[in-house]
Amino acid sequence: MAGYVPAFTEEDKEKIISDFLPFVKYTASRLSWRLPPLLTVDDLISTGLMGLLDALEKYDGRVKLKTYAEFRIKGAMLDELRAMDWVPRSTKKKISEIRNAYSQLERELGRGPDDEEVAELLEIELDEYYGTLQDAHGAISLRFEDFEENSGEGLDIMECIADQREKSPLALLEDEDQKKVLARFIAQLPEKEKLLLSLYYWDELTMKEIGKVMNLTEGRVCQLHTQALIRLKAKVSNEFSSKEK
């Protein structure tokens, strides 16, 4: 049962907004690689602030305010990005073709294919292959960074912020198994892609910051990130296919 939480005064809200503003800006910057042409980082910041204000209205004290507010801020931004689904069908089709090519070549070669091998199978020039990755950089993401597709409807947000201590042993084992599978897939990626994923998802750097660490342009980092996610999704697809046989 939720504990008693006094209503936030306007002064309280101003202080909380000021405290959370750096998080809002940084989160918007981290998600900026997914921006469609009609949205800007400032739009994401505004959306995040609206998510924060909504969190303050609905907060009931069942979890820490920081945990709840950060969840709602990021959730609001992700919902806005989903609502602006700008990726053309032709690009989605090309992404699917690249993923299928990765799956096929990995099964045939017993290893992750090179860029040249994927392009050759697709019968396209390497420049066109890289161009597709660039166009697709906002169209593909890892689910552990995202929330459920229907999170805004019929779902108690508090259920998504589970207390690890209340999880059943079976649930904990399933979580651990998923982490091990993901870790195994990531370990099979090329070194640059492994480093990039580590810097983005675990160290939580922005694409621009990763570019400085890896001495690459921000555009090239986005390109490699998309390529790494396509590889992972292809590996997951192969894993499920092998288990079904």
C-alpha atoms as a PDB file:
ATOM      1  CA  MET A   1       0.000   0.000   0.000  1.00  0.00           C
ATOM      2  CA  ALA A   2       1.295   3.447  -0.852  1.00  0.00           C
ATOM      3  CA  GLY A   3       2.506   5.632   1.990  1.00  0.00           C
ATOM      4  CA  TYR A   4       1.240   9.138   2.611  1.00  0.00           C
ATOM      5  CA  VAL A   5       2.967  11.704   0.411  1.00  0.00           C
ATOM      6  CA  PRO A   6       2.263  15.406   0.920  1.00  0.00           C
ATOM      7  CA  ALA A   7       1.473  17.439  -2.189  1.00  0.00           C
ATOM      8  CA  PHE A   8       4.456  19.269  -3.647  1.00  0.00           C
ATOM      9  CA  THR A   9       4.317  23.034  -3.304  1.00  0.00           C
ATOM     10  CA  GLU A  10       5.271  25.259  -6.227  1.00  0.00           C
ATOM     11  CA  GLU A  11       8.527  25.986  -4.416  1.00  0.00           C
ATOM     12  CA  ASP A  12       9.156  22.246  -4.043  1.00  0.00           C
ATOM     13  CA  LYS A  13       8.504  21.704  -7.764  1.00  0.00           C
ATOM     14  CA  GLU A  14      10.903  24.481  -8.789  1.00  0.00           C
ATOM     15  CA  LYS A  15      13.638  22.940  -6.626  1.00  0.00           C
ATOM     16  CA  ILE A  16      12.996  19.425  -7.979  1.00  0.00           C
ATOM     17  CA  ILE A  17      12.971  20.636 -11.599  1.00  0.00           C
ATOM     18  CA  SER A  18      16.260  22.435 -11.012  1.00  0.00           C
ATOM     19  CA  ASP A  19      17.762  19.285  -9.469  1.00  0.00           C
ATOM     20  CA  PHE A  20      16.592  17.027 -12.313  1.00  0.00           C
ATOM     21  CA  LEU A  21      17.384  19.375 -15.207  1.00  0.00           C
ATOM     22  CA  PRO A  22      20.932  18.000 -15.732  1.00  0.00           C
ATOM     23  CA  PHE A  23      19.503  14.455 -15.926  1.00  0.00           C
ATOM     24  CA  VAL A  24      16.819  15.595 -18.392  1.00  0.00           C
ATOM     25  CA  LYS A  25      19.384  17.279 -20.640  1.00  0.00           C
ATOM     26  CA  TYR A  26      21.814  14.381 -20.507  1.00  0.00           C
ATOM     27  CA  THR A  27      19.099  11.821 -21.255  1.00  0.00           C
ATOM     28  CA  ALA A  28      17.935  13.890 -24.220  1.00  0.00           C
ATOM     29  CA  SER A  29      21.516  14.020 -25.467  1.00  0.00           C
ATOM     30  CA  ARG A  30      21.919  10.235 -25.123  1.00  0.00           C
ATOM     31  CA  LEU A  31      18.715   9.629 -27.086  1.00  0.00           C
ATOM     32  CA  SER A  32      19.473  12.242 -29.739  1.00  0.00           C
ATOM     33  CA  TRP A  33      20.805   9.597 -32.155  1.00  0.00           C
ATOM     34  CA  ARG A  34      17.192   8.396 -32.498  1.00  0.00           C
ATOM     35  CA  LEU A  35      15.793  11.812 -33.376  1.00  0.00           C
ATOM     36  CA  PRO A  36      13.624  12.033 -36.499  1.00  0.00           C
ATOM     37  CA  PRO A  37      13.958  15.140 -38.721  1.00  0.00           C
ATOM     38  CA  LEU A  38      10.944  16.840 -37.103  1.00  0.00           C
ATOM     39  CA  LEU A  39      12.293  16.666 -33.534  1.00  0.00           C
ATOM     40  CA  THR A  40      15.224  18.404 -31.850  1.00  0.00           C
ATOM     41  CA  VAL A  41      17.096  17.828 -28.602  1.00  0.00           C
ATOM     42  CA  ASP A  42      15.228  20.811 -27.147  1.00  0.00           C
ATOM     43  CA  ASP A  43      11.941  19.077 -27.994  1.00  0.00           C
ATOM     44  CA  LEU A  44      13.098  16.008 -26.071  1.00  0.00           C
ATOM     45  CA  ILE A  45      14.125  18.179 -23.112  1.00  0.00           C
ATOM     46  CA  SER A  46      10.658  19.788 -23.064  1.00  0.00           C
ATOM     47  CA  THR A  47       9.048  16.351 -23.258  1.00  0.00           C
ATOM     48  CA  GLY A  48      11.240  15.119 -20.406  1.00  0.00           C
ATOM     49  CA  LEU A  49      10.249  18.074 -18.227  1.00  0.00           C
ATOM     50  CA  MET A  50       6.587  17.357 -18.911  1.00  0.00           C
ATOM     51  CA  GLY A  51       7.248  13.761 -17.862  1.00  0.00           C
ATOM     52  CA  LEU A  52       8.822  15.032 -14.647  1.00  0.00           C
ATOM     53  CA  LEU A  53       5.852  17.275 -13.846  1.00  0.00           C
ATOM     54  CA  ASP A  54       3.487  14.371 -14.504  1.00  0.00           C
ATOM     55  CA  ALA A  55       5.603  12.218 -12.178  1.00  0.00           C
ATOM     56  CA  LEU A  56       5.270  14.790  -9.398  1.00  0.00           C
ATOM     57  CA  GLU A  57       1.480  14.782  -9.791  1.00  0.00           C
ATOM     58  CA  LYS A  58       1.234  10.968  -9.625  1.00  0.00           C
ATOM     59  CA  TYR A  59       4.012  10.170  -7.145  1.00  0.00           C
ATOM     60  CA  ASP A  60       2.712   8.137  -4.183  1.00  0.00           C
ATOM     61  CA  GLY A  61       5.860   7.264  -2.279  1.00  0.00           C
ATOM     62  CA  ARG A  62       6.070   3.541  -3.094  1.00  0.00           C
ATOM     63  CA  VAL A  63       9.560   3.987  -4.540  1.00  0.00           C
ATOM     64  CA  LYS A  64      12.184   6.696  -4.215  1.00  0.00           C
ATOM     65  CA  LEU A  65      11.262   9.901  -6.034  1.00  0.00           C
ATOM     66  CA  LYS A  66      14.552   9.803  -7.957  1.00  0.00           C
ATOM     67  CA  THR A  67      13.835   6.303  -9.301  1.00  0.00           C
ATOM     68  CA  TYR A  68      10.251   7.118 -10.247  1.00  0.00           C
ATOM     69  CA  ALA A  69      10.989  10.519 -11.798  1.00  0.00           C
ATOM     70  CA  GLU A  70      13.898   9.258 -13.899  1.00  0.00           C
ATOM     71  CA  PHE A  71      11.720   6.403 -15.189  1.00  0.00           C
ATOM     72  CA  ARG A  72       8.943   8.825 -16.170  1.00  0.00           C
ATOM     73  CA  ILE A  73      11.337  11.318 -17.764  1.00  0.00           C
ATOM     74  CA  LYS A  74      12.955   8.730 -19.974  1.00  0.00           C
ATOM     75  CA  GLY A  75       9.628   7.030 -20.666  1.00  0.00           C
ATOM     76  CA  ALA A  76       8.114  10.319 -21.870  1.00  0.00           C
ATOM     77  CA  MET A  77      11.013  10.863 -24.271  1.00  0.00           C
ATOM     78  CA  LEU A  78      10.811   7.309 -25.639  1.00  0.00           C
ATOM     79  CA  ASP A  79       7.045   7.633 -26.125  1.00  0.00           C
ATOM     80  CA  GLU A  80       7.605  10.844 -28.079  1.00  0.00           C
ATOM     81  CA  LEU A  81      10.190   9.154 -30.300  1.00  0.00           C
ATOM     82  CA  ARG A  82       7.836   6.239 -30.951  1.00  0.00           C
ATOM     83  CA  ALA A  83       4.993   8.616 -31.795  1.00  0.00           C
ATOM     84  CA  MET A  84       7.183  10.207 -34.476  1.00  0.00           C
ATOM     85  CA  ASP A  85       7.794   6.956 -36.354  1.00  0.00           C
ATOM     86  CA  TRP A  86       9.453   8.531 -39.367  1.00  0.00           C
ATOM     87  CA  VAL A  87      11.360   5.602 -40.851  1.00  0.00           C
ATOM     88  CA  PRO A  88      10.150   4.854 -44.418  1.00  0.00           C
ATOM     89  CA  ARG A  89       8.999   1.339 -45.242  1.00  0.00           C
ATOM     90  CA  SER A  90      11.808   1.062 -47.774  1.00  0.00           C
ATOM     91  CA  THR A  91      14.400   1.658 -45.040  1.00  0.00           C
ATOM     92  CA  LYS A  92      12.716  -0.822 -42.688  1.00  0.00           C
ATOM     93  CA  LYS A  93      12.794  -3.370 -45.501  1.00  0.00           C
ATOM     94  CA  LYS A  94      16.518  -2.783 -46.033  1.00  0.00           C
ATOM     95  CA  ILE A  95      17.171  -3.182 -42.288  1.00  0.00           C
ATOM     96  CA  SER A  96      15.332  -6.493 -42.358  1.00  0.00           C
ATOM     97  CA  GLU A  97      17.333  -7.626 -45.385  1.00  0.00           C
ATOM     98  CA  ILE A  98      20.630  -6.758 -43.676  1.00  0.00           C
ATOM     99  CA  ARG A  99      19.598  -8.618 -40.516  1.00  0.00           C
ATOM    100  CA  ASN A 100      18.583 -11.670 -42.552  1.00  0.00           C
ATOM    101  CA  ALA A 101      21.898 -11.533 -44.410  1.00  0.00           C
ATOM    102  CA  TYR A 102      23.785 -11.486 -41.109  1.00  0.00           C
ATOM    103  CA  SER A 103      21.782 -14.494 -39.883  1.00  0.00           C
ATOM    104  CA  GLN A 104      22.362 -16.472 -43.079  1.00  0.00           C
ATOM    105  CA  LEU A 105      26.091 -15.746 -43.283  1.00  0.00           C
ATOM    106  CA  GLU A 106      26.677 -16.462 -39.598  1.00  0.00           C
ATOM    107  CA  ARG A 107      25.032 -19.860 -39.977  1.00  0.00           C
ATOM    108  CA  GLU A 108      27.001 -20.631 -43.129  1.00  0.00           C
ATOM    109  CA  LEU A 109      30.384 -19.281 -41.985  1.00  0.00           C
ATOM    110  CA  GLY A 110      30.201 -20.156 -38.305  1.00  0.00           C
ATOM    111  CA  ARG A 111      31.306 -16.612 -37.427  1.00  0.00           C
ATOM    112  CA  GLY A 112      30.166 -13.031 -37.719  1.00  0.00           C
ATOM    113  CA  PRO A 113      30.386 -11.850 -41.332  1.00  0.00           C
ATOM    114  CA  ASP A 114      32.456  -8.879 -42.495  1.00  0.00           C
ATOM    115  CA  ASP A 115      30.803  -5.799 -43.961  1.00  0.00           C
ATOM    116  CA  GLU A 116      32.049  -6.740 -47.429  1.00  0.00           C
ATOM    117  CA  GLU A 117      30.497 -10.209 -47.176  1.00  0.00           C
ATOM    118  CA  VAL A 118      27.123  -8.808 -46.171  1.00  0.00           C
ATOM    119  CA  ALA A 119      27.174  -6.260 -48.989  1.00  0.00           C
ATOM    120  CA  GLU A 120      28.167  -8.953 -51.469  1.00  0.00           C
ATOM    121  CA  LEU A 121      25.299 -11.232 -50.440  1.00  0.00           C
ATOM    122  CA  LEU A 122      22.868  -8.316 -50.751  1.00  0.00           C
ATOM    123  CA  GLU A 123      24.427  -7.443 -54.130  1.00  0.00           C
ATOM    124  CA  ILE A 124      24.977  -3.815 -53.174  1.00  0.00           C
ATOM    125  CA  GLU A 125      28.018  -1.557 -53.020  1.00  0.00           C
ATOM    126  CA  LEU A 126      29.703  -1.084 -49.658  1.00  0.00           C
ATOM    127  CA  ASP A 127      28.857   2.644 -49.730  1.00  0.00           C
ATOM    128  CA  GLU A 128      25.163   1.801 -50.141  1.00  0.00           C
ATOM    129  CA  TYR A 129      25.402  -0.629 -47.228  1.00  0.00           C
ATOM    130  CA  TYR A 130      26.928   2.029 -44.974  1.00  0.00           C
ATOM    131  CA  GLY A 131      24.370   4.545 -46.197  1.00  0.00           C
ATOM    132  CA  THR A 132      21.551   2.241 -45.132  1.00  0.00           C
ATOM    133  CA  LEU A 133      23.096   1.890 -41.665  1.00  0.00           C
ATOM    134  CA  GLN A 134      23.287   5.672 -41.425  1.00  0.00           C
ATOM    135  CA  ASP A 135      19.660   6.089 -42.490  1.00  0.00           C
ATOM    136  CA  ALA A 136      18.565   3.420 -40.019  1.00  0.00           C
ATOM    137  CA  HIS A 137      20.395   4.724 -36.963  1.00  0.00           C
ATOM    138  CA  GLY A 138      17.185   5.860 -35.260  1.00  0.00           C
ATOM    139  CA  ALA A 139      15.068   2.912 -36.311  1.00  0.00           C
ATOM    140  CA  ILE A 140      16.566   0.100 -34.259  1.00  0.00           C
ATOM    141  CA  SER A 141      17.285  -0.177 -30.541  1.00  0.00           C
ATOM    142  CA  LEU A 142      17.953  -2.722 -27.847  1.00  0.00           C
ATOM    143  CA  ARG A 143      14.912  -3.609 -25.758  1.00  0.00           C
ATOM    144  CA  PHE A 144      16.826  -3.410 -22.471  1.00  0.00           C
ATOM    145  CA  GLU A 145      17.127   0.322 -23.053  1.00  0.00           C
ATOM    146  CA  ASP A 146      13.452   0.651 -23.850  1.00  0.00           C
ATOM    147  CA  PHE A 147      10.129  -0.059 -22.181  1.00  0.00           C
ATOM    148  CA  GLU A 148       7.256  -2.230 -23.364  1.00  0.00           C
ATOM    149  CA  GLU A 149       5.558  -0.957 -26.497  1.00  0.00           C
ATOM    150  CA  ASN A 150       2.216  -0.523 -24.732  1.00  0.00           C
ATOM    151  CA  SER A 151       3.632   0.867 -21.473  1.00  0.00           C
ATOM    152  CA  GLY A 152       1.331   3.860 -21.492  1.00  0.00           C
ATOM    153  CA  GLU A 153      -1.924   1.898 -21.498  1.00  0.00           C
ATOM    154  CA  GLY A 154      -3.395  -0.237 -18.742  1.00  0.00           C
ATOM    155  CA  LEU A 155      -0.103  -0.598 -16.888  1.00  0.00           C
ATOM    156  CA  ASP A 156       0.804   0.475 -13.372  1.00  0.00           C
ATOM    157  CA  ILE A 157       4.144   2.221 -13.791  1.00  0.00           C
ATOM    158  CA  MET A 158       5.171   1.051 -10.313  1.00  0.00           C
ATOM    159  CA  GLU A 159       5.062  -2.552 -11.526  1.00  0.00           C
ATOM    160  CA  CYS A 160       7.914  -1.692 -13.888  1.00  0.00           C
ATOM    161  CA  ILE A 161      10.120  -0.556 -11.014  1.00  0.00           C
ATOM    162  CA  ALA A 162      10.379  -3.873  -9.256  1.00  0.00           C
ATOM    163  CA  ASP A 163      12.232  -4.377  -6.006  1.00  0.00           C
ATOM    164  CA  GLN A 164      14.938  -6.991  -6.692  1.00  0.00           C
ATOM    165  CA  ARG A 165      14.451  -8.371  -3.178  1.00  0.00           C
ATOM    166  CA  GLU A 166      10.820  -9.252  -3.977  1.00  0.00           C
ATOM    167  CA  LYS A 167      11.607 -11.248  -7.137  1.00  0.00           C
ATOM    168  CA  SER A 168      11.054 -14.976  -7.018  1.00  0.00           C
ATOM    169  CA  PRO A 169      14.075 -17.290  -7.338  1.00  0.00           C
ATOM    170  CA  LEU A 170      12.755 -18.392 -10.764  1.00  0.00           C
ATOM    171  CA  ALA A 171      12.513 -14.786 -11.980  1.00  0.00           C
ATOM    172  CA  LEU A 172      16.023 -14.065 -10.755  1.00  0.00           C
ATOM    173  CA  LEU A 173      17.349 -17.145 -12.556  1.00  0.00           C
ATOM    174  CA  GLU A 174      15.578 -16.109 -15.773  1.00  0.00           C
ATOM    175  CA  ASP A 175      17.047 -12.592 -15.535  1.00  0.00           C
ATOM    176  CA  GLU A 176      20.519 -14.017 -14.948  1.00  0.00           C
ATOM    177  CA  ASP A 177      20.129 -16.412 -17.881  1.00  0.00           C
ATOM    178  CA  GLN A 178      19.132 -13.569 -20.208  1.00  0.00           C
ATOM    179  CA  LYS A 179      22.133 -11.534 -19.098  1.00  0.00           C
ATOM    180  CA  LYS A 180      24.461 -14.450 -19.758  1.00  0.00           C
ATOM    181  CA  VAL A 181      23.036 -14.973 -23.256  1.00  0.00           C
ATOM    182  CA  LEU A 182      23.349 -11.275 -24.063  1.00  0.00           C
ATOM    183  CA  ALA A 183      26.899 -11.185 -22.691  1.00  0.00           C
ATOM    184  CA  ARG A 184      27.798 -14.184 -24.869  1.00  0.00           C
ATOM    185  CA  PHE A 185      26.402 -12.511 -27.988  1.00  0.00           C
ATOM    186  CA  ILE A 186      28.188  -9.235 -27.258  1.00  0.00           C
ATOM    187  CA  ALA A 187      31.468 -11.101 -26.685  1.00  0.00           C
ATOM    188  CA  GLN A 188      31.211 -12.400 -30.262  1.00  0.00           C
ATOM    189  CA  LEU A 189      31.040  -8.902 -31.772  1.00  0.00           C
ATOM    190  CA  PRO A 190      34.043  -7.107 -33.316  1.00  0.00           C
ATOM    191  CA  GLU A 191      36.142  -5.236 -30.752  1.00  0.00           C
ATOM    192  CA  LYS A 192      35.006  -1.768 -31.851  1.00  0.00           C
ATOM    193  CA  GLU A 193      31.355  -2.700 -31.550  1.00  0.00           C
ATOM    194  CA  LYS A 194      31.876  -4.336 -28.137  1.00  0.00           C
ATOM    195  CA  LEU A 195      33.589  -1.204 -26.854  1.00  0.00           C
ATOM    196  CA  LEU A 196      30.888   1.042 -28.286  1.00  0.00           C
ATOM    197  CA  LEU A 197      28.048  -0.901 -26.642  1.00  0.00           C
ATOM    198  CA  SER A 198      29.910  -0.932 -23.345  1.00  0.00           C
ATOM    199  CA  LEU A 199      30.468   2.826 -23.454  1.00  0.00           C
ATOM    200  CA  TYR A 200      26.858   3.576 -24.410  1.00  0.00           C
ATOM    201  CA  TYR A 201      24.826   1.119 -22.336  1.00  0.00           C
ATOM    202  CA  TRP A 202      27.032   0.576 -19.294  1.00  0.00           C
ATOM    203  CA  ASP A 203      29.102   3.775 -19.011  1.00  0.00           C
ATOM    204  CA  GLU A 204      26.138   5.782 -20.374  1.00  0.00           C
ATOM    205  CA  LEU A 205      28.177   8.088 -22.593  1.00  0.00           C
ATOM    206  CA  THR A 206      26.585  10.035 -25.414  1.00  0.00           C
ATOM    207  CA  MET A 207      27.417   9.236 -29.040  1.00  0.00           C
ATOM    208  CA  LYS A 208      29.497  12.413 -29.205  1.00  0.00           C
ATOM    209  CA  GLU A 209      31.494  11.404 -26.113  1.00  0.00           C
ATOM    210  CA  ILE A 210      32.013   7.910 -27.516  1.00  0.00           C
ATOM    211  CA  GLY A 211      33.328   9.445 -30.732  1.00  0.00           C
ATOM    212  CA  LYS A 212      35.993  11.297 -28.761  1.00  0.00           C
ATOM    213  CA  VAL A 213      36.996   8.148 -26.854  1.00  0.00           C
ATOM    214  CA  MET A 214      37.204   6.037 -30.013  1.00  0.00           C
ATOM    215  CA  ASN A 215      38.569   8.814 -32.235  1.00  0.00           C
ATOM    216  CA  LEU A 216      35.613   8.519 -34.625  1.00  0.00           C
ATOM    217  CA  THR A 217      33.050  10.968 -35.965  1.00  0.00           C
ATOM    218  CA  GLU A 218      29.649  10.977 -34.273  1.00  0.00           C
ATOM    219  CA  GLY A 219      28.121   9.781 -37.548  1.00  0.00           C
ATOM    220  CA  ARG A 220      30.472   6.798 -37.723  1.00  0.00           C
ATOM    221  CA  VAL A 221      29.667   5.924 -34.087  1.00  0.00           C
ATOM    222  CA  CYS A 222      25.935   5.900 -34.904  1.00  0.00           C
ATOM    223  CA  GLN A 223      26.661   3.735 -37.928  1.00  0.00           C
ATOM    224  CA  LEU A 224      28.644   1.199 -35.875  1.00  0.00           C
ATOM    225  CA  HIS A 225      25.984   1.226 -33.170  1.00  0.00           C
ATOM    226  CA  THR A 226      23.262   0.352 -35.688  1.00  0.00           C
ATOM    227  CA  GLN A 227      25.459  -2.369 -37.151  1.00  0.00           C
ATOM    228  CA  ALA A 228      26.106  -3.863 -33.697  1.00  0.00           C
ATOM    229  CA  LEU A 229      22.385  -3.949 -32.880  1.00  0.00           C
ATOM    230  CA  ILE A 230      21.562  -5.608 -36.193  1.00  0.00           C
ATOM    231  CA  ARG A 231      24.240  -8.240 -35.475  1.00  0.00           C
ATOM    232  CA  LEU A 232      22.778  -8.882 -32.016  1.00  0.00           C
ATOM    233  CA  LYS A 233      19.249  -9.204 -33.341  1.00  0.00           C
ATOM    234  CA  ALA A 234      20.483 -11.622 -36.001  1.00  0.00           C
ATOM    235  CA  LYS A 235      22.215 -13.688 -33.295  1.00  0.00           C
ATOM    236  CA  VAL A 236      19.020 -13.753 -31.231  1.00  0.00           C
ATOM    237  CA  SER A 237      17.076 -14.855 -34.306  1.00  0.00           C
ATOM    238  CA  ASN A 238      19.552 -17.688 -34.958  1.00  0.00           C
ATOM    239  CA  GLU A 239      19.414 -18.728 -31.299  1.00  0.00           C
ATOM    240  CA  PHE A 240      15.625 -19.059 -31.358  1.00  0.00           C
ATOM    241  CA  SER A 241      15.711 -20.858 -34.710  1.00  0.00           C
ATOM    242  CA  SER A 242      18.176 -23.445 -33.422  1.00  0.00           C
ATOM    243  CA  LYS A 243      16.097 -24.100 -30.293  1.00  0.00           C
ATOM    244  CA  GLU A 244      12.947 -24.633 -32.327  1.00  0.00           C
ATOM    245  CA  LYS A 245      14.565 -27.374 -34.449  1.00  0.00           C
END
